[in-house]
């Protein structure tokens, strides 16, 4: 089952500029910095902000990533409860994930 809120994506125009602002102005720490995947967080937080450089998130994508111990098991459990998945479990080389939507069409990421 889902056990944590891992990150929330925020669309930004310049990753370097935004990283500097979040760290120097707000005092956040850089959690990861791998090209597209730049995350920052308050010093004592496990929840990160994904600085997502680009014009906009994909339609319906909330940018909210929920954590689970096992994507396949959680996918199976939620599917049995009628949750509609927009992407079944898959691994694109940077981690296993699936995507589902709520009754209003808002999409959430589910990842290990």
N, C-alpha and C. Protein backbone atom coordinates (compact mmCIF):
# COMPACT_ATOMS: atom_id res chain seq x y z
N UNK A 1 0.83 -1.18 0.00
CA UNK A 1 0.00 0.00 0.00
C UNK A 1 0.88 1.25 0.00
N UNK A 2 0.30 2.37 -0.25
CA UNK A 2 1.04 3.64 -0.27
C UNK A 2 1.46 3.99 1.14
N UNK A 3 2.75 4.36 1.33
CA UNK A 3 3.22 4.66 2.67
C UNK A 3 3.94 5.99 2.84
N UNK A 4 4.02 6.79 1.77
CA UNK A 4 4.70 8.08 1.94
C UNK A 4 4.43 8.98 0.73
N UNK A 5 4.50 10.26 0.96
CA UNK A 5 4.47 11.26 -0.11
C UNK A 5 5.93 11.63 -0.33
N UNK A 6 6.45 11.30 -1.50
CA UNK A 6 7.88 11.46 -1.76
C UNK A 6 8.22 12.83 -2.32
N UNK A 7 7.52 13.24 -3.38
CA UNK A 7 7.86 14.53 -3.99
C UNK A 7 6.65 15.15 -4.68
N UNK A 8 6.77 16.43 -4.89
CA UNK A 8 5.79 17.21 -5.64
C UNK A 8 6.56 17.97 -6.70
N UNK A 9 6.12 17.87 -7.96
CA UNK A 9 6.81 18.57 -9.04
C UNK A 9 6.32 20.01 -9.14
N UNK A 10 7.27 20.89 -9.38
CA UNK A 10 6.98 22.30 -9.63
C UNK A 10 7.64 22.65 -10.96
N UNK A 11 6.86 23.14 -11.90
CA UNK A 11 7.41 23.50 -13.20
C UNK A 11 8.19 24.81 -13.06
N UNK A 12 9.43 24.78 -13.55
CA UNK A 12 10.31 25.94 -13.48
C UNK A 12 10.92 26.18 -14.86
N UNK A 13 11.43 27.40 -15.08
CA UNK A 13 11.98 27.72 -16.39
C UNK A 13 13.48 27.47 -16.49
N UNK A 14 14.19 27.50 -15.35
CA UNK A 14 15.64 27.36 -15.36
C UNK A 14 16.07 26.60 -14.11
N UNK A 15 16.51 25.36 -14.27
CA UNK A 15 16.83 24.50 -13.14
C UNK A 15 17.96 25.08 -12.28
N UNK A 16 18.99 25.61 -12.92
CA UNK A 16 20.12 26.16 -12.16
C UNK A 16 19.68 27.37 -11.33
N UNK A 17 18.94 28.26 -11.93
CA UNK A 17 18.45 29.45 -11.24
C UNK A 17 17.51 29.07 -10.09
N UNK A 18 16.61 28.14 -10.34
CA UNK A 18 15.67 27.73 -9.30
C UNK A 18 16.36 26.99 -8.17
N UNK A 19 17.33 26.14 -8.49
CA UNK A 19 18.07 25.42 -7.45
C UNK A 19 18.78 26.41 -6.54
N UNK A 20 19.38 27.42 -7.15
CA UNK A 20 20.07 28.45 -6.36
C UNK A 20 19.09 29.19 -5.46
N UNK A 21 17.92 29.53 -5.98
CA UNK A 21 16.92 30.26 -5.19
C UNK A 21 16.43 29.41 -4.01
N UNK A 22 16.07 28.16 -4.27
CA UNK A 22 15.56 27.30 -3.20
C UNK A 22 16.62 27.05 -2.12
N UNK A 23 17.89 26.94 -2.52
CA UNK A 23 18.93 26.66 -1.54
C UNK A 23 19.42 27.93 -0.82
N UNK A 24 19.66 28.98 -1.58
CA UNK A 24 20.22 30.18 -0.96
C UNK A 24 19.18 31.07 -0.29
N UNK A 25 17.99 31.15 -0.85
CA UNK A 25 16.96 32.01 -0.28
C UNK A 25 16.15 31.27 0.78
N UNK A 26 15.71 30.05 0.48
CA UNK A 26 14.88 29.30 1.43
C UNK A 26 15.68 28.41 2.36
N UNK A 27 16.95 28.18 2.03
CA UNK A 27 17.79 27.33 2.88
C UNK A 27 17.56 25.85 2.69
N UNK A 28 16.97 25.44 1.58
CA UNK A 28 16.74 24.02 1.30
C UNK A 28 18.06 23.34 0.96
N UNK A 29 18.06 22.02 1.01
CA UNK A 29 19.22 21.22 0.59
C UNK A 29 18.90 20.59 -0.77
N UNK A 30 19.93 20.34 -1.57
CA UNK A 30 19.77 19.61 -2.83
C UNK A 30 19.80 18.14 -2.47
N UNK A 31 18.75 17.41 -2.83
CA UNK A 31 18.67 15.98 -2.54
C UNK A 31 19.23 15.18 -3.70
N UNK A 32 18.91 15.58 -4.92
CA UNK A 32 19.46 14.93 -6.11
C UNK A 32 19.59 15.96 -7.22
N UNK A 33 20.55 15.72 -8.10
CA UNK A 33 20.77 16.61 -9.22
C UNK A 33 21.33 15.80 -10.39
N UNK A 34 20.43 15.16 -11.12
CA UNK A 34 20.79 14.32 -12.25
C UNK A 34 20.07 14.80 -13.50
N UNK A 35 20.59 15.83 -14.12
CA UNK A 35 19.99 16.42 -15.32
C UNK A 35 18.55 16.85 -15.05
N UNK A 36 17.59 16.11 -15.60
CA UNK A 36 16.17 16.47 -15.46
C UNK A 36 15.67 16.29 -14.03
N UNK A 37 16.28 15.39 -13.29
CA UNK A 37 15.77 15.07 -11.96
C UNK A 37 16.54 15.87 -10.90
N UNK A 38 16.07 17.10 -10.63
CA UNK A 38 16.64 17.94 -9.58
C UNK A 38 15.60 18.04 -8.49
N UNK A 39 15.97 17.62 -7.27
CA UNK A 39 15.04 17.73 -6.15
C UNK A 39 15.69 18.50 -5.01
N UNK A 40 14.87 19.26 -4.32
CA UNK A 40 15.31 20.03 -3.16
C UNK A 40 14.32 19.80 -2.04
N UNK A 41 14.76 20.07 -0.80
CA UNK A 41 13.88 19.86 0.35
C UNK A 41 14.35 20.72 1.52
N UNK A 42 13.43 21.05 2.42
CA UNK A 42 13.87 21.68 3.66
C UNK A 42 14.87 20.75 4.36
N UNK A 43 15.73 21.31 5.18
CA UNK A 43 16.83 20.57 5.79
C UNK A 43 16.41 19.28 6.50
N UNK A 44 15.28 19.25 7.17
CA UNK A 44 14.89 18.07 7.95
C UNK A 44 13.68 17.35 7.38
N UNK A 45 13.46 17.47 6.08
CA UNK A 45 12.29 16.87 5.46
C UNK A 45 12.66 15.70 4.56
N UNK A 46 11.79 14.70 4.51
CA UNK A 46 11.96 13.59 3.58
C UNK A 46 11.17 13.82 2.30
N UNK A 47 10.29 14.80 2.29
CA UNK A 47 9.50 15.12 1.11
C UNK A 47 10.23 16.18 0.30
N UNK A 48 10.36 15.95 -1.00
CA UNK A 48 11.12 16.86 -1.85
C UNK A 48 10.23 17.60 -2.84
N UNK A 49 10.79 18.67 -3.38
CA UNK A 49 10.18 19.37 -4.51
C UNK A 49 11.03 19.03 -5.72
N UNK A 50 10.38 18.46 -6.73
CA UNK A 50 11.07 18.13 -7.99
C UNK A 50 11.01 19.37 -8.87
N UNK A 51 12.14 19.98 -9.13
CA UNK A 51 12.22 21.16 -9.98
C UNK A 51 12.19 20.68 -11.42
N UNK A 52 11.02 20.71 -12.01
CA UNK A 52 10.77 20.12 -13.32
C UNK A 52 10.86 21.20 -14.40
N UNK A 53 12.03 21.28 -15.05
CA UNK A 53 12.24 22.31 -16.06
C UNK A 53 11.44 22.00 -17.32
N UNK A 54 10.67 22.95 -17.76
CA UNK A 54 9.89 22.78 -18.98
C UNK A 54 8.74 23.76 -19.02
N UNK A 55 7.97 23.71 -20.09
CA UNK A 55 6.88 24.67 -20.24
C UNK A 55 5.69 24.38 -19.33
N UNK A 56 5.41 23.09 -19.04
CA UNK A 56 4.25 22.76 -18.23
C UNK A 56 4.24 21.26 -17.97
N UNK A 57 3.58 20.84 -16.90
CA UNK A 57 3.39 19.41 -16.68
C UNK A 57 2.41 18.89 -17.72
N UNK A 58 2.47 17.59 -17.98
CA UNK A 58 1.56 16.98 -18.92
C UNK A 58 0.13 17.16 -18.41
N UNK A 59 -0.85 17.28 -19.29
CA UNK A 59 -2.24 17.44 -18.85
C UNK A 59 -2.66 16.34 -17.88
N UNK A 60 -3.26 16.72 -16.76
CA UNK A 60 -3.72 15.77 -15.76
C UNK A 60 -2.69 15.40 -14.72
N UNK A 61 -1.39 15.57 -15.03
CA UNK A 61 -0.31 15.18 -14.14
C UNK A 61 -0.21 16.17 -12.98
N UNK A 62 -0.44 15.69 -11.76
CA UNK A 62 -0.34 16.56 -10.58
C UNK A 62 1.10 16.82 -10.18
N UNK A 63 2.01 15.94 -10.63
CA UNK A 63 3.40 16.07 -10.20
C UNK A 63 3.63 15.52 -8.80
N UNK A 64 2.64 14.81 -8.24
CA UNK A 64 2.75 14.27 -6.89
C UNK A 64 3.17 12.80 -6.99
N UNK A 65 4.26 12.45 -6.30
CA UNK A 65 4.80 11.10 -6.31
C UNK A 65 4.55 10.45 -4.95
N UNK A 66 3.85 9.33 -4.97
CA UNK A 66 3.55 8.57 -3.76
C UNK A 66 4.44 7.34 -3.71
N UNK A 67 4.94 7.02 -2.53
CA UNK A 67 5.88 5.92 -2.39
C UNK A 67 5.19 4.66 -1.87
N UNK A 68 5.66 3.52 -2.37
CA UNK A 68 5.19 2.21 -1.93
C UNK A 68 6.38 1.27 -1.84
N UNK A 69 6.26 0.21 -1.06
CA UNK A 69 7.34 -0.78 -0.96
C UNK A 69 7.42 -1.64 -2.22
N UNK A 70 6.25 -1.87 -2.87
CA UNK A 70 6.20 -2.76 -4.02
C UNK A 70 5.16 -2.25 -5.01
N UNK A 71 5.59 -1.71 -6.13
CA UNK A 71 4.67 -1.14 -7.12
C UNK A 71 3.69 -2.20 -7.64
N UNK A 72 4.19 -3.39 -7.94
CA UNK A 72 3.32 -4.43 -8.50
C UNK A 72 2.21 -4.83 -7.53
N UNK A 73 2.56 -5.03 -6.26
CA UNK A 73 1.54 -5.41 -5.27
C UNK A 73 0.53 -4.29 -5.06
N UNK A 74 0.99 -3.06 -4.96
CA UNK A 74 0.08 -1.94 -4.75
C UNK A 74 -0.80 -1.74 -5.97
N UNK A 75 -0.23 -1.91 -7.15
CA UNK A 75 -1.01 -1.84 -8.39
C UNK A 75 -2.15 -2.87 -8.35
N UNK A 76 -1.82 -4.08 -7.96
CA UNK A 76 -2.81 -5.15 -7.90
C UNK A 76 -3.90 -4.83 -6.87
N UNK A 77 -3.49 -4.39 -5.67
CA UNK A 77 -4.45 -4.05 -4.60
C UNK A 77 -5.38 -2.93 -5.04
N UNK A 78 -4.82 -1.87 -5.59
CA UNK A 78 -5.64 -0.72 -5.98
C UNK A 78 -6.52 -1.02 -7.18
N UNK A 79 -6.00 -1.82 -8.11
CA UNK A 79 -6.81 -2.21 -9.27
C UNK A 79 -8.06 -2.97 -8.84
N UNK A 80 -7.90 -3.87 -7.85
CA UNK A 80 -9.04 -4.63 -7.33
C UNK A 80 -10.08 -3.73 -6.68
N UNK A 81 -9.65 -2.56 -6.21
CA UNK A 81 -10.57 -1.59 -5.59
C UNK A 81 -11.16 -0.64 -6.62
N UNK A 82 -10.85 -0.86 -7.89
CA UNK A 82 -11.42 -0.04 -8.95
C UNK A 82 -10.62 1.17 -9.36
N UNK A 83 -9.40 1.32 -8.83
CA UNK A 83 -8.56 2.45 -9.21
C UNK A 83 -8.17 2.29 -10.67
N UNK A 84 -8.32 3.37 -11.44
CA UNK A 84 -7.98 3.34 -12.86
C UNK A 84 -6.54 3.80 -13.06
N UNK A 85 -5.72 2.91 -13.61
CA UNK A 85 -4.32 3.23 -13.87
C UNK A 85 -4.18 3.73 -15.30
N UNK A 86 -3.42 4.82 -15.47
CA UNK A 86 -3.14 5.37 -16.79
C UNK A 86 -1.85 4.78 -17.35
N UNK A 87 -0.98 4.28 -16.45
CA UNK A 87 0.23 3.57 -16.85
C UNK A 87 0.42 2.41 -15.89
N UNK A 88 0.41 1.18 -16.39
CA UNK A 88 0.68 0.04 -15.51
C UNK A 88 2.14 0.05 -15.08
N UNK A 89 2.51 -0.78 -14.11
CA UNK A 89 3.91 -0.79 -13.65
C UNK A 89 4.89 -1.00 -14.79
N UNK A 90 5.94 -0.17 -14.75
CA UNK A 90 7.00 -0.26 -15.76
C UNK A 90 8.27 0.33 -15.20
N UNK A 91 9.37 0.01 -15.84
CA UNK A 91 10.66 0.55 -15.42
C UNK A 91 11.33 1.16 -16.65
N UNK A 92 11.49 2.47 -16.63
CA UNK A 92 12.10 3.17 -17.75
C UNK A 92 13.59 3.42 -17.54
N UNK A 93 14.20 2.65 -16.63
CA UNK A 93 15.64 2.78 -16.40
C UNK A 93 16.00 3.65 -15.22
N UNK A 94 15.07 4.40 -14.67
CA UNK A 94 15.35 5.25 -13.52
C UNK A 94 14.47 4.90 -12.33
N UNK A 95 13.76 3.78 -12.45
CA UNK A 95 12.95 3.32 -11.33
C UNK A 95 11.61 2.78 -11.79
N UNK A 96 11.07 1.87 -11.02
CA UNK A 96 9.78 1.27 -11.34
C UNK A 96 8.66 2.18 -10.84
N UNK A 97 7.65 2.37 -11.68
CA UNK A 97 6.55 3.25 -11.33
C UNK A 97 5.28 2.84 -12.07
N UNK A 98 4.18 3.41 -11.64
CA UNK A 98 2.89 3.30 -12.32
C UNK A 98 2.21 4.64 -12.10
N UNK A 99 1.17 4.91 -12.88
CA UNK A 99 0.41 6.15 -12.71
C UNK A 99 -1.07 5.81 -12.67
N UNK A 100 -1.79 6.50 -11.76
CA UNK A 100 -3.23 6.28 -11.64
C UNK A 100 -3.92 7.62 -11.53
N UNK A 101 -5.24 7.59 -11.73
CA UNK A 101 -5.97 8.85 -11.62
C UNK A 101 -7.09 8.74 -10.60
N UNK A 102 -7.42 9.89 -10.03
CA UNK A 102 -8.53 9.95 -9.09
C UNK A 102 -9.83 10.16 -9.88
N UNK A 103 -10.98 10.23 -9.22
CA UNK A 103 -12.25 10.37 -9.95
C UNK A 103 -12.35 11.61 -10.83
N UNK A 104 -11.52 12.64 -10.54
CA UNK A 104 -11.57 13.87 -11.34
C UNK A 104 -10.52 13.89 -12.44
N UNK A 105 -9.78 12.81 -12.60
CA UNK A 105 -8.78 12.73 -13.67
C UNK A 105 -7.41 13.23 -13.28
N UNK A 106 -7.18 13.58 -12.01
CA UNK A 106 -5.86 14.01 -11.55
C UNK A 106 -4.95 12.79 -11.45
N UNK A 107 -3.79 12.84 -12.12
CA UNK A 107 -2.88 11.70 -12.14
C UNK A 107 -1.82 11.80 -11.05
N UNK A 108 -1.52 10.65 -10.44
CA UNK A 108 -0.52 10.54 -9.39
C UNK A 108 0.49 9.48 -9.79
N UNK A 109 1.75 9.69 -9.39
CA UNK A 109 2.82 8.73 -9.62
C UNK A 109 2.88 7.78 -8.41
N UNK A 110 3.12 6.52 -8.67
CA UNK A 110 3.31 5.52 -7.63
C UNK A 110 4.67 4.89 -7.92
N UNK A 111 5.58 4.94 -6.93
CA UNK A 111 6.96 4.51 -7.19
C UNK A 111 7.57 3.88 -5.95
N UNK A 112 8.54 2.97 -6.18
CA UNK A 112 9.26 2.37 -5.05
C UNK A 112 10.41 3.26 -4.64
